Amino acid sequence: RMFDLHADPRRIASVLSRDPLLAPLVDASPGLRVPGAWSGFELVVRTIVGQQVSVKGASTIMGRIVQRAGRMIDGHSHEAT
């Protein structure tokens, strides 16, 4: 499921090409796929944070998300000091 191995790119393209706004994009980049993610939430967060202009801005936002929503994992190799 993570790698979407059962997807049929030709079938997907034929459906997306029916939309007048998407058709030129499908033609310009055939087979282009959204990168996989382990969860829909992860994909949304990566998409929103990826809109940041700088790496520093993205790092700041991710740090805030982790502080507010994250939890410590005892013994994790990247444990905060």
C-alpha atoms as a PDB file:
ATOM      1  CA  ARG A   1       0.000   0.000   0.000  1.00  0.00           C
ATOM      2  CA  MET A   2       2.832   2.421   0.851  1.00  0.00           C
ATOM      3  CA  PHE A   3       4.301   2.111  -2.639  1.00  0.00           C
ATOM      4  CA  ASP A   4       0.923   1.827  -4.433  1.00  0.00           C
ATOM      5  CA  LEU A   5       2.179  -1.104  -6.491  1.00  0.00           C
ATOM      6  CA  HIS A   6      -1.288  -2.062  -7.685  1.00  0.00           C
ATOM      7  CA  ALA A   7      -1.943   1.317  -9.313  1.00  0.00           C
ATOM      8  CA  ASP A   8      -2.498   1.353 -13.069  1.00  0.00           C
ATOM      9  CA  PRO A   9      -0.866   4.568 -14.362  1.00  0.00           C
ATOM     10  CA  ARG A  10      -2.628   4.350 -17.741  1.00  0.00           C
ATOM     11  CA  ARG A  11      -6.030   4.061 -16.119  1.00  0.00           C
ATOM     12  CA  ILE A  12      -5.268   6.929 -13.736  1.00  0.00           C
ATOM     13  CA  ALA A  13      -4.093   9.115 -16.632  1.00  0.00           C
ATOM     14  CA  SER A  14      -7.197   8.312 -18.679  1.00  0.00           C
ATOM     15  CA  VAL A  15      -9.468   9.423 -15.827  1.00  0.00           C
ATOM     16  CA  LEU A  16      -7.479  12.552 -14.919  1.00  0.00           C
ATOM     17  CA  SER A  17      -7.237  13.546 -18.590  1.00  0.00           C
ATOM     18  CA  ARG A  18     -11.015  13.958 -18.729  1.00  0.00           C
ATOM     19  CA  ASP A  19     -10.733  17.053 -16.547  1.00  0.00           C
ATOM     20  CA  PRO A  20      -9.954  20.141 -18.676  1.00  0.00           C
ATOM     21  CA  LEU A  21      -7.681  21.636 -15.987  1.00  0.00           C
ATOM     22  CA  LEU A  22      -5.746  18.432 -15.303  1.00  0.00           C
ATOM     23  CA  ALA A  23      -5.429  17.170 -18.890  1.00  0.00           C
ATOM     24  CA  PRO A  24      -2.524  19.471 -19.873  1.00  0.00           C
ATOM     25  CA  LEU A  25      -0.702  18.617 -16.640  1.00  0.00           C
ATOM     26  CA  VAL A  26      -1.111  14.880 -17.221  1.00  0.00           C
ATOM     27  CA  ASP A  27       0.188  15.294 -20.769  1.00  0.00           C
ATOM     28  CA  ALA A  28       3.164  17.390 -19.621  1.00  0.00           C
ATOM     29  CA  SER A  29       4.244  14.939 -16.901  1.00  0.00           C
ATOM     30  CA  PRO A  30       2.952  11.460 -17.676  1.00  0.00           C
ATOM     31  CA  GLY A  31       3.201   9.063 -14.750  1.00  0.00           C
ATOM     32  CA  LEU A  32       3.974  11.778 -12.181  1.00  0.00           C
ATOM     33  CA  ARG A  33       2.944  10.516  -8.756  1.00  0.00           C
ATOM     34  CA  VAL A  34       2.550  11.949  -5.277  1.00  0.00           C
ATOM     35  CA  PRO A  35       5.263  10.572  -2.997  1.00  0.00           C
ATOM     36  CA  GLY A  36       3.956   7.923  -0.659  1.00  0.00           C
ATOM     37  CA  ALA A  37       3.562   8.368   3.043  1.00  0.00           C
ATOM     38  CA  TRP A  38       2.775   6.039   5.904  1.00  0.00           C
ATOM     39  CA  SER A  39      -0.316   8.080   6.760  1.00  0.00           C
ATOM     40  CA  GLY A  40      -2.514  10.752   5.225  1.00  0.00           C
ATOM     41  CA  PHE A  41      -1.668  13.077   8.120  1.00  0.00           C
ATOM     42  CA  GLU A  42       2.048  12.746   7.408  1.00  0.00           C
ATOM     43  CA  LEU A  43       1.492  13.567   3.745  1.00  0.00           C
ATOM     44  CA  VAL A  44      -0.550  16.669   4.589  1.00  0.00           C
ATOM     45  CA  VAL A  45       2.046  17.915   7.086  1.00  0.00           C
ATOM     46  CA  ARG A  46       4.883  17.339   4.603  1.00  0.00           C
ATOM     47  CA  THR A  47       2.935  19.173   1.895  1.00  0.00           C
ATOM     48  CA  ILE A  48       2.170  22.197   4.051  1.00  0.00           C
ATOM     49  CA  VAL A  49       5.634  22.449   5.588  1.00  0.00           C
ATOM     50  CA  GLY A  50       7.190  21.932   2.145  1.00  0.00           C
ATOM     51  CA  GLN A  51       5.638  25.225   1.071  1.00  0.00           C
ATOM     52  CA  GLN A  52       8.074  27.097   3.296  1.00  0.00           C
ATOM     53  CA  VAL A  53      10.557  29.244   1.413  1.00  0.00           C
ATOM     54  CA  SER A  54      13.504  28.298   3.581  1.00  0.00           C
ATOM     55  CA  VAL A  55      14.797  25.215   5.341  1.00  0.00           C
ATOM     56  CA  LYS A  56      15.021  27.256   8.533  1.00  0.00           C
ATOM     57  CA  GLY A  57      11.326  28.195   8.291  1.00  0.00           C
ATOM     58  CA  ALA A  58      10.326  24.577   7.701  1.00  0.00           C
ATOM     59  CA  SER A  59      12.508  23.420  10.614  1.00  0.00           C
ATOM     60  CA  THR A  60      10.906  25.989  12.910  1.00  0.00           C
ATOM     61  CA  ILE A  61       7.396  24.845  11.990  1.00  0.00           C
ATOM     62  CA  MET A  62       8.277  21.154  12.402  1.00  0.00           C
ATOM     63  CA  GLY A  63       9.847  21.906  15.789  1.00  0.00           C
ATOM     64  CA  ARG A  64       6.623  23.576  16.913  1.00  0.00           C
ATOM     65  CA  ILE A  65       4.528  20.637  15.707  1.00  0.00           C
ATOM     66  CA  VAL A  66       6.766  18.180  17.564  1.00  0.00           C
ATOM     67  CA  GLN A  67       6.663  20.260  20.769  1.00  0.00           C
ATOM     68  CA  ARG A  68       2.867  20.473  20.690  1.00  0.00           C
ATOM     69  CA  ALA A  69       1.887  17.066  19.329  1.00  0.00           C
ATOM     70  CA  GLY A  70       4.907  14.823  19.782  1.00  0.00           C
ATOM     71  CA  ARG A  71       5.819  12.497  22.606  1.00  0.00           C
ATOM     72  CA  MET A  72       9.140  11.283  23.942  1.00  0.00           C
ATOM     73  CA  ILE A  73      10.263   7.787  23.019  1.00  0.00           C
ATOM     74  CA  ASP A  74      12.522   6.473  25.756  1.00  0.00           C
ATOM     75  CA  GLY A  75      15.871   5.285  24.427  1.00  0.00           C
ATOM     76  CA  HIS A  76      15.371   6.693  20.928  1.00  0.00           C
ATOM     77  CA  SER A  77      18.676   7.295  19.127  1.00  0.00           C
ATOM     78  CA  HIS A  78      17.725  10.940  18.406  1.00  0.00           C
ATOM     79  CA  GLU A  79      16.662  11.707  21.930  1.00  0.00           C
ATOM     80  CA  ALA A  80      16.657  15.394  22.882  1.00  0.00           C
ATOM     81  CA  THR A  81      19.412  16.393  25.270  1.00  0.00           C
END
